[in-house]
Structures are given as C-alpha cells and as structure tokens.
Amino acid sequence: MEIARCESCNGYGWVEDEFTGETGDCDWCKGTGYVYRENGIDRPIPESDYGKVADTLERLEEARMREIGYSGQAKKPWEQAIRGSDHKLIPRVGRNDEDGE
C-alpha cells in the first residue's frame, strides 16, 4: 500500500462546486489531500493513522507545493504577478470596491 495524491482534489484537500462556488472538504480524501492506494483502489487515510504517516504526508505536500511554484520564500512586491509595474495590486475587472464583489 502506498500514499498517493488524491485524484479528486489534486492534493488540495478541498473542492469547489463549479456551479455555486461553495467549497468543502474532498469526499475522497476527507480533507487531507492524500489517500491510501492499493491495487489501484484509493481510500481515505484514517485519522488514527495520521501520526504514523505524518512524515510521509509532509514530504509529499512539500513536493506538491514546489511543483506549483512555492519556494518557501516571500516574494517582493515587484516580483508578484498580481501587481502592476507601479507595484500596486491590479484590480479585478468588474469588481465593485464598495461591497467587495
């Protein structure tokens, strides 16, 4: 048996309803982002096993974060893609600043 990234949530541990935008824990992995995989069958890691697999989960999560670009270091404002050339946050199109939508 191996520990593998959850195929349903891709290791995030949560899912977002594409119609309502509501979020919640992933049903496949129960919010951990990882599952036990044996003979091609995935099942959630029981809470009672967390202590036994914590180091493995930490290592897998660190690798996943590196894959998506996390370096462990804070980025300076001028290095952040969400900021413009003046280093101020770029507003979302159609956003109403009064109510945040």
PDB file of N, CA and C in Angstrom:
ATOM      1  N   MET A   1       0.850  -1.179   0.000  1.00  0.00           N
ATOM      2  CA  MET A   1       0.000   0.000   0.000  1.00  0.00           C
ATOM      3  C   MET A   1       0.894   1.239   0.000  1.00  0.00           C
ATOM      4  N   GLU A   2       0.485   2.220  -0.787  1.00  0.00           N
ATOM      5  CA  GLU A   2       1.250   3.465  -0.874  1.00  0.00           C
ATOM      6  C   GLU A   2       0.343   4.646  -0.537  1.00  0.00           C
ATOM      7  N   ILE A   3       0.964   5.769  -0.235  1.00  0.00           N
ATOM      8  CA  ILE A   3       0.219   7.011  -0.050  1.00  0.00           C
ATOM      9  C   ILE A   3       0.367   7.800  -1.337  1.00  0.00           C
ATOM     10  N   ALA A   4      -0.762   8.240  -1.882  1.00  0.00           N
ATOM     11  CA  ALA A   4      -0.753   8.940  -3.165  1.00  0.00           C
ATOM     12  C   ALA A   4      -1.594  10.208  -3.075  1.00  0.00           C
ATOM     13  N   ARG A   5      -1.312  11.136  -3.958  1.00  0.00           N
ATOM     14  CA  ARG A   5      -2.096  12.369  -4.053  1.00  0.00           C
ATOM     15  C   ARG A   5      -3.523  12.015  -4.469  1.00  0.00           C
ATOM     16  N   CYS A   6      -4.480  12.637  -3.846  1.00  0.00           N
ATOM     17  CA  CYS A   6      -5.885  12.400  -4.166  1.00  0.00           C
ATOM     18  C   CYS A   6      -6.173  12.873  -5.589  1.00  0.00           C
ATOM     19  N   GLU A   7      -6.752  12.008  -6.398  1.00  0.00           N
ATOM     20  CA  GLU A   7      -7.070  12.341  -7.789  1.00  0.00           C
ATOM     21  C   GLU A   7      -8.237  13.321  -7.884  1.00  0.00           C
ATOM     22  N   SER A   8      -9.101  13.305  -6.887  1.00  0.00           N
ATOM     23  CA  SER A   8     -10.287  14.157  -6.938  1.00  0.00           C
ATOM     24  C   SER A   8      -9.958  15.629  -6.713  1.00  0.00           C
ATOM     25  N   CYS A   9      -9.092  15.909  -5.738  1.00  0.00           N
ATOM     26  CA  CYS A   9      -8.793  17.305  -5.390  1.00  0.00           C
ATOM     27  C   CYS A   9      -7.365  17.707  -5.745  1.00  0.00           C
ATOM     28  N   ASN A  10      -6.598  16.781  -6.325  1.00  0.00           N
ATOM     29  CA  ASN A  10      -5.214  17.034  -6.728  1.00  0.00           C
ATOM     30  C   ASN A  10      -4.321  17.453  -5.560  1.00  0.00           C
ATOM     31  N   GLY A  11      -4.636  16.939  -4.367  1.00  0.00           N
ATOM     32  CA  GLY A  11      -3.796  17.202  -3.207  1.00  0.00           C
ATOM     33  C   GLY A  11      -4.180  18.420  -2.391  1.00  0.00           C
ATOM     34  N   TYR A  12      -5.192  19.168  -2.827  1.00  0.00           N
ATOM     35  CA  TYR A  12      -5.588  20.369  -2.089  1.00  0.00           C
ATOM     36  C   TYR A  12      -6.386  20.043  -0.830  1.00  0.00           C
ATOM     37  N   GLY A  13      -7.135  18.941  -0.841  1.00  0.00           N
ATOM     38  CA  GLY A  13      -7.929  18.575   0.328  1.00  0.00           C
ATOM     39  C   GLY A  13      -9.325  19.166   0.322  1.00  0.00           C
ATOM     40  N   TRP A  14      -9.620  20.019  -0.634  1.00  0.00           N
ATOM     41  CA  TRP A  14     -10.948  20.627  -0.740  1.00  0.00           C
ATOM     42  C   TRP A  14     -11.336  20.734  -2.203  1.00  0.00           C
ATOM     43  N   VAL A  15     -12.613  20.864  -2.411  1.00  0.00           N
ATOM     44  CA  VAL A  15     -13.136  21.011  -3.768  1.00  0.00           C
ATOM     45  C   VAL A  15     -14.106  22.184  -3.794  1.00  0.00           C
ATOM     46  N   GLU A  16     -14.289  22.744  -4.979  1.00  0.00           N
ATOM     47  CA  GLU A  16     -15.204  23.871  -5.163  1.00  0.00           C
ATOM     48  C   GLU A  16     -16.291  23.458  -6.139  1.00  0.00           C
ATOM     49  N   ASP A  17     -17.536  23.690  -5.757  1.00  0.00           N
ATOM     50  CA  ASP A  17     -18.659  23.405  -6.645  1.00  0.00           C
ATOM     51  C   ASP A  17     -18.616  24.391  -7.799  1.00  0.00           C
ATOM     52  N   GLU A  18     -18.552  23.882  -9.018  1.00  0.00           N
ATOM     53  CA  GLU A  18     -18.395  24.760 -10.176  1.00  0.00           C
ATOM     54  C   GLU A  18     -19.624  25.601 -10.459  1.00  0.00           C
ATOM     55  N   PHE A  19     -20.771  25.236  -9.904  1.00  0.00           N
ATOM     56  CA  PHE A  19     -21.993  25.994 -10.152  1.00  0.00           C
ATOM     57  C   PHE A  19     -22.280  27.022  -9.060  1.00  0.00           C
ATOM     58  N   THR A  20     -22.045  26.654  -7.794  1.00  0.00           N
ATOM     59  CA  THR A  20     -22.370  27.557  -6.688  1.00  0.00           C
ATOM     60  C   THR A  20     -21.156  28.282  -6.131  1.00  0.00           C
ATOM     61  N   GLY A  21     -19.957  27.745  -6.377  1.00  0.00           N
ATOM     62  CA  GLY A  21     -18.743  28.337  -5.828  1.00  0.00           C
ATOM     63  C   GLY A  21     -18.476  27.928  -4.391  1.00  0.00           C
ATOM     64  N   GLU A  22     -19.356  27.116  -3.807  1.00  0.00           N
ATOM     65  CA  GLU A  22     -19.158  26.669  -2.431  1.00  0.00           C
ATOM     66  C   GLU A  22     -17.992  25.692  -2.365  1.00  0.00           C
ATOM     67  N   THR A  23     -17.273  25.738  -1.258  1.00  0.00           N
ATOM     68  CA  THR A  23     -16.140  24.839  -1.072  1.00  0.00           C
ATOM     69  C   THR A  23     -16.392  23.931   0.120  1.00  0.00           C
ATOM     70  N   GLY A  24     -15.718  22.807   0.124  1.00  0.00           N
ATOM     71  CA  GLY A  24     -15.815  21.867   1.235  1.00  0.00           C
ATOM     72  C   GLY A  24     -14.718  20.831   1.131  1.00  0.00           C
ATOM     73  N   ASP A  25     -14.556  20.068   2.206  1.00  0.00           N
ATOM     74  CA  ASP A  25     -13.551  19.013   2.203  1.00  0.00           C
ATOM     75  C   ASP A  25     -13.834  18.014   1.095  1.00  0.00           C
ATOM     76  N   CYS A  26     -12.791  17.507   0.513  1.00  0.00           N
ATOM     77  CA  CYS A  26     -12.905  16.493  -0.532  1.00  0.00           C
ATOM     78  C   CYS A  26     -13.455  15.205   0.080  1.00  0.00           C
ATOM     79  N   ASP A  27     -14.446  14.613  -0.564  1.00  0.00           N
ATOM     80  CA  ASP A  27     -15.042  13.377  -0.064  1.00  0.00           C
ATOM     81  C   ASP A  27     -14.106  12.177  -0.205  1.00  0.00           C
ATOM     82  N   TRP A  28     -13.228  12.194  -1.198  1.00  0.00           N
ATOM     83  CA  TRP A  28     -12.345  11.047  -1.413  1.00  0.00           C
ATOM     84  C   TRP A  28     -11.276  10.938  -0.338  1.00  0.00           C
ATOM     85  N   CYS A  29     -10.655  12.062   0.002  1.00  0.00           N
ATOM     86  CA  CYS A  29      -9.525  12.019   0.943  1.00  0.00           C
ATOM     87  C   CYS A  29      -9.886  12.558   2.324  1.00  0.00           C
ATOM     88  N   LYS A  30     -11.107  13.017   2.492  1.00  0.00           N
ATOM     89  CA  LYS A  30     -11.581  13.580   3.769  1.00  0.00           C
ATOM     90  C   LYS A  30     -10.780  14.800   4.197  1.00  0.00           C
ATOM     91  N   GLY A  31     -10.283  15.558   3.212  1.00  0.00           N
ATOM     92  CA  GLY A  31      -9.627  16.824   3.502  1.00  0.00           C
ATOM     93  C   GLY A  31      -8.122  16.777   3.671  1.00  0.00           C
ATOM     94  N   THR A  32      -7.509  15.608   3.538  1.00  0.00           N
ATOM     95  CA  THR A  32      -6.051  15.540   3.717  1.00  0.00           C
ATOM     96  C   THR A  32      -5.284  15.807   2.429  1.00  0.00           C
ATOM     97  N   GLY A  33      -5.911  15.555   1.282  1.00  0.00           N
ATOM     98  CA  GLY A  33      -5.221  15.719   0.008  1.00  0.00           C
ATOM     99  C   GLY A  33      -4.503  14.463  -0.455  1.00  0.00           C
ATOM    100  N   TYR A  34      -4.456  13.452   0.403  1.00  0.00           N
ATOM    101  CA  TYR A  34      -3.751  12.209   0.092  1.00  0.00           C
ATOM    102  C   TYR A  34      -4.595  11.020   0.520  1.00  0.00           C
ATOM    103  N   VAL A  35      -4.360   9.888  -0.141  1.00  0.00           N
ATOM    104  CA  VAL A  35      -5.130   8.670   0.118  1.00  0.00           C
ATOM    105  C   VAL A  35      -4.186   7.474   0.187  1.00  0.00           C
ATOM    106  N   TYR A  36      -4.686   6.387   0.785  1.00  0.00           N
ATOM    107  CA  TYR A  36      -4.005   5.108   0.659  1.00  0.00           C
ATOM    108  C   TYR A  36      -4.394   4.530  -0.692  1.00  0.00           C
ATOM    109  N   ARG A  37      -3.431   4.022  -1.435  1.00  0.00           N
ATOM    110  CA  ARG A  37      -3.708   3.391  -2.726  1.00  0.00           C
ATOM    111  C   ARG A  37      -3.136   1.975  -2.701  1.00  0.00           C
ATOM    112  N   GLU A  38      -4.016   1.020  -2.978  1.00  0.00           N
ATOM    113  CA  GLU A  38      -3.597  -0.377  -3.026  1.00  0.00           C
ATOM    114  C   GLU A  38      -4.324  -1.063  -4.171  1.00  0.00           C
ATOM    115  N   ASN A  39      -3.563  -1.664  -5.071  1.00  0.00           N
ATOM    116  CA  ASN A  39      -4.129  -2.349  -6.240  1.00  0.00           C
ATOM    117  C   ASN A  39      -5.060  -1.441  -7.036  1.00  0.00           C
ATOM    118  N   GLY A  40      -4.688  -0.172  -7.151  1.00  0.00           N
ATOM    119  CA  GLY A  40      -5.480   0.775  -7.932  1.00  0.00           C
ATOM    120  C   GLY A  40      -6.734   1.277  -7.245  1.00  0.00           C
ATOM    121  N   ILE A  41      -6.905   0.941  -5.980  1.00  0.00           N
ATOM    122  CA  ILE A  41      -8.085   1.379  -5.226  1.00  0.00           C
ATOM    123  C   ILE A  41      -7.646   2.390  -4.174  1.00  0.00           C
ATOM    124  N   ASP A  42      -8.295   3.549  -4.173  1.00  0.00           N
ATOM    125  CA  ASP A  42      -7.984   4.606  -3.209  1.00  0.00           C
ATOM    126  C   ASP A  42      -8.973   4.570  -2.058  1.00  0.00           C
ATOM    127  N   ARG A  43      -8.463   4.856  -0.860  1.00  0.00           N
ATOM    128  CA  ARG A  43      -9.344   5.024   0.297  1.00  0.00           C
ATOM    129  C   ARG A  43      -8.743   6.082   1.208  1.00  0.00           C
ATOM    130  N   PRO A  44      -9.595   6.788   1.950  1.00  0.00           N
ATOM    131  CA  PRO A  44      -9.084   7.851   2.825  1.00  0.00           C
ATOM    132  C   PRO A  44      -8.131   7.297   3.885  1.00  0.00           C
ATOM    133  N   ILE A  45      -7.201   8.121   4.292  1.00  0.00           N
ATOM    134  CA  ILE A  45      -6.303   7.756   5.385  1.00  0.00           C
ATOM    135  C   ILE A  45      -7.066   7.995   6.685  1.00  0.00           C
ATOM    136  N   PRO A  46      -7.237   6.967   7.519  1.00  0.00           N
ATOM    137  CA  PRO A  46      -7.961   7.162   8.779  1.00  0.00           C
ATOM    138  C   PRO A  46      -7.210   8.124   9.701  1.00  0.00           C
ATOM    139  N   GLU A  47      -7.962   8.906  10.462  1.00  0.00           N
ATOM    140  CA  GLU A  47      -7.338   9.849  11.401  1.00  0.00           C
ATOM    141  C   GLU A  47      -6.394   9.133  12.353  1.00  0.00           C
ATOM    142  N   SER A  48      -6.705   7.900  12.705  1.00  0.00           N
ATOM    143  CA  SER A  48      -5.860   7.148  13.638  1.00  0.00           C
ATOM    144  C   SER A  48      -4.475   6.851  13.058  1.00  0.00           C
ATOM    145  N   ASP A  49      -4.318   6.952  11.740  1.00  0.00           N
ATOM    146  CA  ASP A  49      -3.021   6.701  11.096  1.00  0.00           C
ATOM    147  C   ASP A  49      -2.189   7.964  10.901  1.00  0.00           C
ATOM    148  N   TYR A  50      -2.751   9.130  11.164  1.00  0.00           N
ATOM    149  CA  TYR A  50      -2.041  10.381  10.884  1.00  0.00           C
ATOM    150  C   TYR A  50      -0.664  10.426  11.533  1.00  0.00           C
ATOM    151  N   GLY A  51      -0.557  10.015  12.766  1.00  0.00           N
ATOM    152  CA  GLY A  51       0.733  10.033  13.457  1.00  0.00           C
ATOM    153  C   GLY A  51       1.766   9.151  12.778  1.00  0.00           C
ATOM    154  N   LYS A  52       1.321   8.023  12.246  1.00  0.00           N
ATOM    155  CA  LYS A  52       2.231   7.075  11.591  1.00  0.00           C
ATOM    156  C   LYS A  52       2.713   7.581  10.234  1.00  0.00           C
ATOM    157  N   VAL A  53       1.874   8.344   9.553  1.00  0.00           N
ATOM    158  CA  VAL A  53       2.206   8.760   8.182  1.00  0.00           C
ATOM    159  C   VAL A  53       2.529  10.251   8.066  1.00  0.00           C
ATOM    160  N   ALA A  54       2.623  10.939   9.191  1.00  0.00           N
ATOM    161  CA  ALA A  54       2.822  12.396   9.172  1.00  0.00           C
ATOM    162  C   ALA A  54       4.072  12.809   8.395  1.00  0.00           C
ATOM    163  N   ASP A  55       5.178  12.121   8.592  1.00  0.00           N
ATOM    164  CA  ASP A  55       6.415  12.489   7.886  1.00  0.00           C
ATOM    165  C   ASP A  55       6.268  12.308   6.376  1.00  0.00           C
ATOM    166  N   THR A  56       5.619  11.228   5.976  1.00  0.00           N
ATOM    167  CA  THR A  56       5.397  10.980   4.547  1.00  0.00           C
ATOM    168  C   THR A  56       4.484  12.043   3.957  1.00  0.00           C
ATOM    169  N   LEU A  57       3.398  12.368   4.668  1.00  0.00           N
ATOM    170  CA  LEU A  57       2.476  13.397   4.186  1.00  0.00           C
ATOM    171  C   LEU A  57       3.178  14.746   4.063  1.00  0.00           C
ATOM    172  N   GLU A  58       4.009  15.068   5.026  1.00  0.00           N
ATOM    173  CA  GLU A  58       4.748  16.332   4.996  1.00  0.00           C
ATOM    174  C   GLU A  58       5.674  16.385   3.781  1.00  0.00           C
ATOM    175  N   ARG A  59       6.368  15.302   3.512  1.00  0.00           N
ATOM    176  CA  ARG A  59       7.285  15.233   2.367  1.00  0.00           C
ATOM    177  C   ARG A  59       6.519  15.351   1.047  1.00  0.00           C
ATOM    178  N   LEU A  60       5.396  14.646   0.935  1.00  0.00           N
ATOM    179  CA  LEU A  60       4.584  14.717  -0.284  1.00  0.00           C
ATOM    180  C   LEU A  60       4.013  16.115  -0.491  1.00  0.00           C
ATOM    181  N   GLU A  61       3.565  16.737   0.590  1.00  0.00           N
ATOM    182  CA  GLU A  61       2.986  18.077   0.478  1.00  0.00           C
ATOM    183  C   GLU A  61       4.055  19.098   0.098  1.00  0.00           C
ATOM    184  N   GLU A  62       5.239  18.955   0.646  1.00  0.00           N
ATOM    185  CA  GLU A  62       6.332  19.861   0.276  1.00  0.00           C
ATOM    186  C   GLU A  62       6.655  19.728  -1.214  1.00  0.00           C
ATOM    187  N   ALA A  63       6.680  18.500  -1.721  1.00  0.00           N
ATOM    188  CA  ALA A  63       6.940  18.278  -3.150  1.00  0.00           C
ATOM    189  C   ALA A  63       5.824  18.881  -3.996  1.00  0.00           C
ATOM    190  N   ARG A  64       4.573  18.731  -3.556  1.00  0.00           N
ATOM    191  CA  ARG A  64       3.439  19.297  -4.305  1.00  0.00           C
ATOM    192  C   ARG A  64       3.524  20.818  -4.348  1.00  0.00           C
ATOM    193  N   MET A  65       3.869  21.428  -3.236  1.00  0.00           N
ATOM    194  CA  MET A  65       3.982  22.884  -3.183  1.00  0.00           C
ATOM    195  C   MET A  65       5.101  23.376  -4.112  1.00  0.00           C
ATOM    196  N   ARG A  66       6.193  22.662  -4.167  1.00  0.00           N
ATOM    197  CA  ARG A  66       7.286  23.039  -5.074  1.00  0.00           C
ATOM    198  C   ARG A  66       6.828  22.942  -6.533  1.00  0.00           C
ATOM    199  N   GLU A  67       6.023  21.912  -6.843  1.00  0.00           N
ATOM    200  CA  GLU A  67       5.507  21.746  -8.210  1.00  0.00           C
ATOM    201  C   GLU A  67       4.675  22.942  -8.658  1.00  0.00           C
ATOM    202  N   ILE A  68       3.951  23.552  -7.724  1.00  0.00           N
ATOM    203  CA  ILE A  68       3.094  24.682  -8.097  1.00  0.00           C
ATOM    204  C   ILE A  68       3.791  26.025  -7.897  1.00  0.00           C
ATOM    205  N   GLY A  69       5.101  25.983  -7.635  1.00  0.00           N
ATOM    206  CA  GLY A  69       5.883  27.209  -7.624  1.00  0.00           C
ATOM    207  C   GLY A  69       6.227  27.784  -6.270  1.00  0.00           C
ATOM    208  N   TYR A  70       5.841  27.127  -5.190  1.00  0.00           N
ATOM    209  CA  TYR A  70       6.163  27.637  -3.859  1.00  0.00           C
ATOM    210  C   TYR A  70       7.630  27.375  -3.559  1.00  0.00           C
ATOM    211  N   SER A  71       8.325  28.403  -3.120  1.00  0.00           N
ATOM    212  CA  SER A  71       9.751  28.252  -2.832  1.00  0.00           C
ATOM    213  C   SER A  71      10.054  28.320  -1.344  1.00  0.00           C
ATOM    214  N   GLY A  72       9.077  28.716  -0.546  1.00  0.00           N
ATOM    215  CA  GLY A  72       9.318  28.874   0.878  1.00  0.00           C
ATOM    216  C   GLY A  72       9.786  30.275   1.235  1.00  0.00           C
ATOM    217  N   GLN A  73       9.965  31.102   0.236  1.00  0.00           N
ATOM    218  CA  GLN A  73      10.426  32.468   0.444  1.00  0.00           C
ATOM    219  C   GLN A  73       9.341  33.452   0.028  1.00  0.00           C
ATOM    220  N   ALA A  74       9.246  34.546   0.752  1.00  0.00           N
ATOM    221  CA  ALA A  74       8.298  35.596   0.378  1.00  0.00           C
ATOM    222  C   ALA A  74       8.802  36.307  -0.874  1.00  0.00           C
ATOM    223  N   LYS A  75       7.872  36.682  -1.734  1.00  0.00           N
ATOM    224  CA  LYS A  75       8.242  37.437  -2.938  1.00  0.00           C
ATOM    225  C   LYS A  75       8.122  38.927  -2.652  1.00  0.00           C
ATOM    226  N   LYS A  76       9.050  39.673  -3.167  1.00  0.00           N
ATOM    227  CA  LYS A  76       8.991  41.129  -3.073  1.00  0.00           C
ATOM    228  C   LYS A  76       7.825  41.618  -3.931  1.00  0.00           C
ATOM    229  N   PRO A  77       7.234  42.777  -3.605  1.00  0.00           N
ATOM    230  CA  PRO A  77       6.085  43.259  -4.379  1.00  0.00           C
ATOM    231  C   PRO A  77       6.341  43.313  -5.880  1.00  0.00           C
ATOM    232  N   TRP A  78       7.520  43.703  -6.305  1.00  0.00           N
ATOM    233  CA  TRP A  78       7.798  43.813  -7.736  1.00  0.00           C
ATOM    234  C   TRP A  78       7.976  42.439  -8.401  1.00  0.00           C
ATOM    235  N   GLU A  79       8.045  41.367  -7.602  1.00  0.00           N
ATOM    236  CA  GLU A  79       8.154  40.013  -8.148  1.00  0.00           C
ATOM    237  C   GLU A  79       6.796  39.313  -8.244  1.00  0.00           C
ATOM    238  N   GLN A  80       5.752  39.938  -7.704  1.00  0.00           N
ATOM    239  CA  GLN A  80       4.434  39.317  -7.653  1.00  0.00           C
ATOM    240  C   GLN A  80       3.644  39.623  -8.916  1.00  0.00           C
ATOM    241  N   ALA A  81       3.167  38.569  -9.564  1.00  0.00           N
ATOM    242  CA  ALA A  81       2.445  38.714 -10.829  1.00  0.00           C
ATOM    243  C   ALA A  81       1.146  39.504 -10.677  1.00  0.00           C
ATOM    244  N   ILE A  82       0.572  39.534  -9.474  1.00  0.00           N
ATOM    245  CA  ILE A  82      -0.699  40.221  -9.269  1.00  0.00           C
ATOM    246  C   ILE A  82      -0.530  41.740  -9.199  1.00  0.00           C
ATOM    247  N   ARG A  83       0.697  42.202  -9.160  1.00  0.00           N
ATOM    248  CA  ARG A  83       0.957  43.638  -9.064  1.00  0.00           C
ATOM    249  C   ARG A  83       1.384  44.201 -10.416  1.00  0.00           C
ATOM    250  N   GLY A  84       1.012  45.430 -10.669  1.00  0.00           N
ATOM    251  CA  GLY A  84       1.382  46.104 -11.913  1.00  0.00           C
ATOM    252  C   GLY A  84       2.783  46.679 -11.834  1.00  0.00           C
ATOM    253  N   SER A  85       3.164  47.429 -12.841  1.00  0.00           N
ATOM    254  CA  SER A  85       4.510  47.995 -12.894  1.00  0.00           C
ATOM    255  C   SER A  85       4.741  49.032 -11.796  1.00  0.00           C
ATOM    256  N   ASP A  86       3.632  49.588 -11.245  1.00  0.00           N
ATOM    257  CA  ASP A  86       3.778  50.548 -10.145  1.00  0.00           C
ATOM    258  C   ASP A  86       3.762  49.848  -8.780  1.00  0.00           C
ATOM    259  N   HIS A  87       3.755  48.516  -8.780  1.00  0.00           N
ATOM    260  CA  HIS A  87       3.802  47.674  -7.586  1.00  0.00           C
ATOM    261  C   HIS A  87       2.526  47.736  -6.757  1.00  0.00           C
ATOM    262  N   LYS A  88       1.451  48.265  -7.322  1.00  0.00           N
ATOM    263  CA  LYS A  88       0.160  48.269  -6.638  1.00  0.00           C
ATOM    264  C   LYS A  88      -0.653  47.096  -7.149  1.00  0.00           C
ATOM    265  N   LEU A  89      -1.551  46.609  -6.311  1.00  0.00           N
ATOM    266  CA  LEU A  89      -2.385  45.485  -6.719  1.00  0.00           C
ATOM    267  C   LEU A  89      -3.212  45.849  -7.934  1.00  0.00           C
ATOM    268  N   ILE A  90      -3.330  44.924  -8.855  1.00  0.00           N
ATOM    269  CA  ILE A  90      -4.136  45.120 -10.057  1.00  0.00           C
ATOM    270  C   ILE A  90      -5.579  44.777  -9.707  1.00  0.00           C
ATOM    271  N   PRO A  91      -6.519  45.716  -9.876  1.00  0.00           N
ATOM    272  CA  PRO A  91      -7.913  45.417  -9.521  1.00  0.00           C
ATOM    273  C   PRO A  91      -8.512  44.396 -10.477  1.00  0.00           C
ATOM    274  N   ARG A  92      -9.442  43.612  -9.947  1.00  0.00           N
ATOM    275  CA  ARG A  92     -10.166  42.671 -10.792  1.00  0.00           C
ATOM    276  C   ARG A  92     -11.122  43.436 -11.683  1.00  0.00           C
ATOM    277  N   VAL A  93     -11.303  42.961 -12.887  1.00  0.00           N
ATOM    278  CA  VAL A  93     -12.237  43.585 -13.824  1.00  0.00           C
ATOM    279  C   VAL A  93     -13.648  43.373 -13.305  1.00  0.00           C
ATOM    280  N   GLY A  94     -14.438  44.459 -13.278  1.00  0.00           N
ATOM    281  CA  GLY A  94     -15.824  44.365 -12.847  1.00  0.00           C
ATOM    282  C   GLY A  94     -16.011  44.326 -11.346  1.00  0.00           C
ATOM    283  N   ARG A  95     -14.958  44.522 -10.593  1.00  0.00           N
ATOM    284  CA  ARG A  95     -15.068  44.467  -9.138  1.00  0.00           C
ATOM    285  C   ARG A  95     -15.612  45.784  -8.604  1.00  0.00           C
ATOM    286  N   ASN A  96     -16.576  45.704  -7.735  1.00  0.00           N
ATOM    287  CA  ASN A  96     -17.150  46.865  -7.075  1.00  0.00           C
ATOM    288  C   ASN A  96     -16.463  46.988  -5.722  1.00  0.00           C
ATOM    289  N   ASP A  97     -15.623  48.004  -5.549  1.00  0.00           N
ATOM    290  CA  ASP A  97     -14.835  48.133  -4.326  1.00  0.00           C
ATOM    291  C   ASP A  97     -15.670  48.356  -3.076  1.00  0.00           C
ATOM    292  N   GLU A  98     -16.875  48.873  -3.206  1.00  0.00           N
ATOM    293  CA  GLU A  98     -17.681  49.151  -2.027  1.00  0.00           C
ATOM    294  C   GLU A  98     -18.128  47.881  -1.320  1.00  0.00           C
ATOM    295  N   ASP A  99     -18.558  46.877  -2.074  1.00  0.00           N
ATOM    296  CA  ASP A  99     -19.043  45.668  -1.415  1.00  0.00           C
ATOM    297  C   ASP A  99     -18.121  44.470  -1.648  1.00  0.00           C
ATOM    298  N   GLY A 100     -16.985  44.664  -2.293  1.00  0.00           N
ATOM    299  CA  GLY A 100     -16.006  43.609  -2.475  1.00  0.00           C
ATOM    300  C   GLY A 100     -16.363  42.590  -3.532  1.00  0.00           C
ATOM    301  N   GLU A 101     -17.341  42.878  -4.359  1.00  0.00           N
ATOM    302  CA  GLU A 101     -17.723  41.915  -5.400  1.00  0.00           C
ATOM    303  C   GLU A 101     -17.443  42.456  -6.772  1.00  0.00           C
TER     304      GLU A 101
END
